[in-house]
Amino acid sequence: MVAFTNTVAYLGLEARAVEVQCQVAPGLPKDGSHYDLPIALALLAAMGVTDVEQLVD
């Protein structure tokens, strides 16, 4: 299952919308910690631990 959540990325004073997609599958680890919280939320939704509807705007 793939879960989606939204966050923002700051570029100076400007904020840009970012969609985070998370799939429970083996693969390469990511680099950096910029999107750890939205990835964790999407992972919990993909695993069925939290309600997906709570992550929708």
PDB file of N, CA and C in Angstrom:
ATOM      1  N   MET A   1       0.844  -1.175   0.000  1.00  0.00           N
ATOM      2  CA  MET A   1       0.000   0.000   0.000  1.00  0.00           C
ATOM      3  C   MET A   1       0.888   1.235   0.000  1.00  0.00           C
ATOM      4  N   VAL A   2       0.462   2.235  -0.728  1.00  0.00           N
ATOM      5  CA  VAL A   2       1.157   3.520  -0.758  1.00  0.00           C
ATOM      6  C   VAL A   2       0.294   4.534  -0.024  1.00  0.00           C
ATOM      7  N   ALA A   3       0.902   5.319   0.845  1.00  0.00           N
ATOM      8  CA  ALA A   3       0.195   6.382   1.560  1.00  0.00           C
ATOM      9  C   ALA A   3       0.811   7.723   1.174  1.00  0.00           C
ATOM     10  N   PHE A   4      -0.004   8.751   1.187  1.00  0.00           N
ATOM     11  CA  PHE A   4       0.420  10.094   0.805  1.00  0.00           C
ATOM     12  C   PHE A   4       0.137  11.059   1.943  1.00  0.00           C
ATOM     13  N   THR A   5       0.996  12.060   2.097  1.00  0.00           N
ATOM     14  CA  THR A   5       0.744  13.168   3.001  1.00  0.00           C
ATOM     15  C   THR A   5       1.395  14.410   2.401  1.00  0.00           C
ATOM     16  N   ASN A   6       1.003  15.555   2.864  1.00  0.00           N
ATOM     17  CA  ASN A   6       1.522  16.815   2.332  1.00  0.00           C
ATOM     18  C   ASN A   6       2.320  17.552   3.390  1.00  0.00           C
ATOM     19  N   THR A   7       3.329  18.284   2.941  1.00  0.00           N
ATOM     20  CA  THR A   7       4.147  19.108   3.818  1.00  0.00           C
ATOM     21  C   THR A   7       4.638  20.300   3.004  1.00  0.00           C
ATOM     22  N   VAL A   8       5.507  21.078   3.562  1.00  0.00           N
ATOM     23  CA  VAL A   8       6.086  22.202   2.832  1.00  0.00           C
ATOM     24  C   VAL A   8       7.596  22.138   2.915  1.00  0.00           C
ATOM     25  N   ALA A   9       8.244  22.696   1.907  1.00  0.00           N
ATOM     26  CA  ALA A   9       9.690  22.847   1.890  1.00  0.00           C
ATOM     27  C   ALA A   9       9.977  24.335   1.817  1.00  0.00           C
ATOM     28  N   TYR A  10      10.818  24.821   2.694  1.00  0.00           N
ATOM     29  CA  TYR A  10      11.136  26.242   2.721  1.00  0.00           C
ATOM     30  C   TYR A  10      12.347  26.532   1.860  1.00  0.00           C
ATOM     31  N   LEU A  11      12.205  27.534   1.015  1.00  0.00           N
ATOM     32  CA  LEU A  11      13.290  28.025   0.178  1.00  0.00           C
ATOM     33  C   LEU A  11      13.420  29.509   0.501  1.00  0.00           C
ATOM     34  N   GLY A  12      14.279  29.820   1.470  1.00  0.00           N
ATOM     35  CA  GLY A  12      14.355  31.193   1.964  1.00  0.00           C
ATOM     36  C   GLY A  12      13.079  31.528   2.718  1.00  0.00           C
ATOM     37  N   LEU A  13      12.375  32.573   2.286  1.00  0.00           N
ATOM     38  CA  LEU A  13      11.105  32.954   2.906  1.00  0.00           C
ATOM     39  C   LEU A  13       9.909  32.337   2.202  1.00  0.00           C
ATOM     40  N   GLU A  14      10.153  31.626   1.123  1.00  0.00           N
ATOM     41  CA  GLU A  14       9.079  31.024   0.341  1.00  0.00           C
ATOM     42  C   GLU A  14       8.856  29.576   0.771  1.00  0.00           C
ATOM     43  N   ALA A  15       7.591  29.173   0.886  1.00  0.00           N
ATOM     44  CA  ALA A  15       7.243  27.794   1.213  1.00  0.00           C
ATOM     45  C   ALA A  15       6.630  27.136  -0.020  1.00  0.00           C
ATOM     46  N   ARG A  16       7.125  25.968  -0.356  1.00  0.00           N
ATOM     47  CA  ARG A  16       6.606  25.232  -1.511  1.00  0.00           C
ATOM     48  C   ARG A  16       5.943  23.948  -1.031  1.00  0.00           C
ATOM     49  N   ALA A  17       4.792  23.631  -1.618  1.00  0.00           N
ATOM     50  CA  ALA A  17       4.070  22.412  -1.260  1.00  0.00           C
ATOM     51  C   ALA A  17       4.835  21.188  -1.763  1.00  0.00           C
ATOM     52  N   VAL A  18       4.876  20.158  -0.910  1.00  0.00           N
ATOM     53  CA  VAL A  18       5.543  18.902  -1.244  1.00  0.00           C
ATOM     54  C   VAL A  18       4.594  17.763  -0.899  1.00  0.00           C
ATOM     55  N   GLU A  19       4.417  16.814  -1.816  1.00  0.00           N
ATOM     56  CA  GLU A  19       3.642  15.615  -1.544  1.00  0.00           C
ATOM     57  C   GLU A  19       4.615  14.495  -1.205  1.00  0.00           C
ATOM     58  N   VAL A  20       4.433  13.876  -0.040  1.00  0.00           N
ATOM     59  CA  VAL A  20       5.291  12.785   0.403  1.00  0.00           C
ATOM     60  C   VAL A  20       4.543  11.479   0.165  1.00  0.00           C
ATOM     61  N   GLN A  21       5.204  10.541  -0.519  1.00  0.00           N
ATOM     62  CA  GLN A  21       4.640   9.227  -0.794  1.00  0.00           C
ATOM     63  C   GLN A  21       5.451   8.185  -0.042  1.00  0.00           C
ATOM     64  N   CYS A  22       4.770   7.244   0.578  1.00  0.00           N
ATOM     65  CA  CYS A  22       5.448   6.229   1.372  1.00  0.00           C
ATOM     66  C   CYS A  22       4.879   4.858   1.031  1.00  0.00           C
ATOM     67  N   GLN A  23       5.761   3.906   0.777  1.00  0.00           N
ATOM     68  CA  GLN A  23       5.358   2.535   0.488  1.00  0.00           C
ATOM     69  C   GLN A  23       6.153   1.605   1.401  1.00  0.00           C
ATOM     70  N   VAL A  24       5.463   0.648   2.002  1.00  0.00           N
ATOM     71  CA  VAL A  24       6.135  -0.315   2.864  1.00  0.00           C
ATOM     72  C   VAL A  24       6.729  -1.396   1.960  1.00  0.00           C
ATOM     73  N   ALA A  25       8.024  -1.291   1.713  1.00  0.00           N
ATOM     74  CA  ALA A  25       8.729  -2.236   0.845  1.00  0.00           C
ATOM     75  C   ALA A  25      10.228  -2.090   1.094  1.00  0.00           C
ATOM     76  N   PRO A  26      10.994  -3.142   0.845  1.00  0.00           N
ATOM     77  CA  PRO A  26      12.440  -3.016   1.000  1.00  0.00           C
ATOM     78  C   PRO A  26      13.006  -2.094  -0.081  1.00  0.00           C
ATOM     79  N   GLY A  27      14.040  -1.366   0.256  1.00  0.00           N
ATOM     80  CA  GLY A  27      14.647  -0.470  -0.719  1.00  0.00           C
ATOM     81  C   GLY A  27      15.800   0.292  -0.113  1.00  0.00           C
ATOM     82  N   LEU A  28      16.278   1.264  -0.868  1.00  0.00           N
ATOM     83  CA  LEU A  28      17.407   2.079  -0.430  1.00  0.00           C
ATOM     84  C   LEU A  28      16.973   3.058   0.644  1.00  0.00           C
ATOM     85  N   PRO A  29      17.819   3.369   1.681  1.00  0.00           N
ATOM     86  CA  PRO A  29      17.493   4.407   2.650  1.00  0.00           C
ATOM     87  C   PRO A  29      17.587   5.780   2.042  1.00  0.00           C
ATOM     88  N   LYS A  30      16.814   6.746   2.552  1.00  0.00           N
ATOM     89  CA  LYS A  30      16.838   8.117   2.027  1.00  0.00           C
ATOM     90  C   LYS A  30      18.020   8.881   2.616  1.00  0.00           C
ATOM     91  N   ASP A  31      18.281  10.076   2.075  1.00  0.00           N
ATOM     92  CA  ASP A  31      19.361  10.933   2.567  1.00  0.00           C
ATOM     93  C   ASP A  31      18.764  12.124   3.314  1.00  0.00           C
ATOM     94  N   GLY A  32      19.363  12.495   4.426  1.00  0.00           N
ATOM     95  CA  GLY A  32      18.934  13.674   5.172  1.00  0.00           C
ATOM     96  C   GLY A  32      17.715  13.425   6.040  1.00  0.00           C
ATOM     97  N   SER A  33      17.348  14.451   6.800  1.00  0.00           N
ATOM     98  CA  SER A  33      16.220  14.332   7.729  1.00  0.00           C
ATOM     99  C   SER A  33      15.119  15.346   7.441  1.00  0.00           C
ATOM    100  N   HIS A  34      15.136  15.934   6.255  1.00  0.00           N
ATOM    101  CA  HIS A  34      14.202  17.005   5.949  1.00  0.00           C
ATOM    102  C   HIS A  34      12.740  16.588   6.049  1.00  0.00           C
ATOM    103  N   TYR A  35      12.412  15.389   5.654  1.00  0.00           N
ATOM    104  CA  TYR A  35      11.001  14.983   5.586  1.00  0.00           C
ATOM    105  C   TYR A  35      10.699  13.806   6.501  1.00  0.00           C
ATOM    106  N   ASP A  36      11.423  13.673   7.599  1.00  0.00           N
ATOM    107  CA  ASP A  36      11.217  12.542   8.500  1.00  0.00           C
ATOM    108  C   ASP A  36       9.808  12.489   9.076  1.00  0.00           C
ATOM    109  N   LEU A  37       9.259  13.607   9.541  1.00  0.00           N
ATOM    110  CA  LEU A  37       7.927  13.599  10.146  1.00  0.00           C
ATOM    111  C   LEU A  37       6.850  13.230   9.133  1.00  0.00           C
ATOM    112  N   PRO A  38       6.789  13.874   7.955  1.00  0.00           N
ATOM    113  CA  PRO A  38       5.756  13.451   7.004  1.00  0.00           C
ATOM    114  C   PRO A  38       5.938  12.017   6.518  1.00  0.00           C
ATOM    115  N   ILE A  39       7.178  11.544   6.402  1.00  0.00           N
ATOM    116  CA  ILE A  39       7.406  10.157   6.010  1.00  0.00           C
ATOM    117  C   ILE A  39       6.908   9.218   7.104  1.00  0.00           C
ATOM    118  N   ALA A  40       7.161   9.554   8.366  1.00  0.00           N
ATOM    119  CA  ALA A  40       6.695   8.725   9.476  1.00  0.00           C
ATOM    120  C   ALA A  40       5.170   8.664   9.508  1.00  0.00           C
ATOM    121  N   LEU A  41       4.512   9.795   9.278  1.00  0.00           N
ATOM    122  CA  LEU A  41       3.047   9.812   9.258  1.00  0.00           C
ATOM    123  C   LEU A  41       2.495   8.978   8.102  1.00  0.00           C
ATOM    124  N   ALA A  42       3.096   9.120   6.925  1.00  0.00           N
ATOM    125  CA  ALA A  42       2.656   8.325   5.780  1.00  0.00           C
ATOM    126  C   ALA A  42       2.927   6.843   6.007  1.00  0.00           C
ATOM    127  N   LEU A  43       4.041   6.508   6.647  1.00  0.00           N
ATOM    128  CA  LEU A  43       4.364   5.115   6.951  1.00  0.00           C
ATOM    129  C   LEU A  43       3.334   4.515   7.905  1.00  0.00           C
ATOM    130  N   LEU A  44       2.965   5.258   8.944  1.00  0.00           N
ATOM    131  CA  LEU A  44       1.935   4.779   9.869  1.00  0.00           C
ATOM    132  C   LEU A  44       0.613   4.552   9.150  1.00  0.00           C
ATOM    133  N   ALA A  45       0.270   5.436   8.215  1.00  0.00           N
ATOM    134  CA  ALA A  45      -0.951   5.262   7.442  1.00  0.00           C
ATOM    135  C   ALA A  45      -0.858   4.050   6.528  1.00  0.00           C
ATOM    136  N   ALA A  46       0.297   3.841   5.896  1.00  0.00           N
ATOM    137  CA  ALA A  46       0.481   2.694   5.003  1.00  0.00           C
ATOM    138  C   ALA A  46       0.407   1.377   5.769  1.00  0.00           C
ATOM    139  N   MET A  47       0.851   1.379   7.022  1.00  0.00           N
ATOM    140  CA  MET A  47       0.810   0.173   7.845  1.00  0.00           C
ATOM    141  C   MET A  47      -0.553  -0.027   8.495  1.00  0.00           C
ATOM    142  N   GLY A  48      -1.449   0.953   8.378  1.00  0.00           N
ATOM    143  CA  GLY A  48      -2.774   0.839   8.960  1.00  0.00           C
ATOM    144  C   GLY A  48      -2.828   1.185  10.432  1.00  0.00           C
ATOM    145  N   VAL A  49      -1.778   1.810  10.952  1.00  0.00           N
ATOM    146  CA  VAL A  49      -1.728   2.171  12.374  1.00  0.00           C
ATOM    147  C   VAL A  49      -2.579   3.403  12.655  1.00  0.00           C
ATOM    148  N   THR A  50      -2.626   4.336  11.722  1.00  0.00           N
ATOM    149  CA  THR A  50      -3.420   5.549  11.879  1.00  0.00           C
ATOM    150  C   THR A  50      -4.393   5.652  10.708  1.00  0.00           C
ATOM    151  N   ASP A  51      -5.424   6.456  10.893  1.00  0.00           N
ATOM    152  CA  ASP A  51      -6.439   6.643   9.870  1.00  0.00           C
ATOM    153  C   ASP A  51      -5.920   7.539   8.767  1.00  0.00           C
ATOM    154  N   VAL A  52      -6.001   7.080   7.530  1.00  0.00           N
ATOM    155  CA  VAL A  52      -5.528   7.844   6.375  1.00  0.00           C
ATOM    156  C   VAL A  52      -6.267   9.169   6.261  1.00  0.00           C
ATOM    157  N   GLU A  53      -7.520   9.195   6.625  1.00  0.00           N
ATOM    158  CA  GLU A  53      -8.339  10.413   6.521  1.00  0.00           C
ATOM    159  C   GLU A  53      -7.795  11.544   7.395  1.00  0.00           C
ATOM    160  N   GLN A  54      -7.046  11.223   8.440  1.00  0.00           N
ATOM    161  CA  GLN A  54      -6.464  12.261   9.296  1.00  0.00           C
ATOM    162  C   GLN A  54      -5.344  13.011   8.604  1.00  0.00           C
ATOM    163  N   LEU A  55      -4.765  12.413   7.555  1.00  0.00           N
ATOM    164  CA  LEU A  55      -3.650  13.044   6.849  1.00  0.00           C
ATOM    165  C   LEU A  55      -4.103  13.866   5.657  1.00  0.00           C
ATOM    166  N   VAL A  56      -5.384  13.846   5.346  1.00  0.00           N
ATOM    167  CA  VAL A  56      -5.920  14.567   4.201  1.00  0.00           C
ATOM    168  C   VAL A  56      -6.226  15.991   4.613  1.00  0.00           C
ATOM    169  N   ASP A  57      -5.899  16.933   3.710  1.00  0.00           N
ATOM    170  CA  ASP A  57      -6.197  18.359   3.998  1.00  0.00           C
ATOM    171  C   ASP A  57      -7.666  18.597   4.139  1.00  0.00           C
TER     172      ASP A  57
END
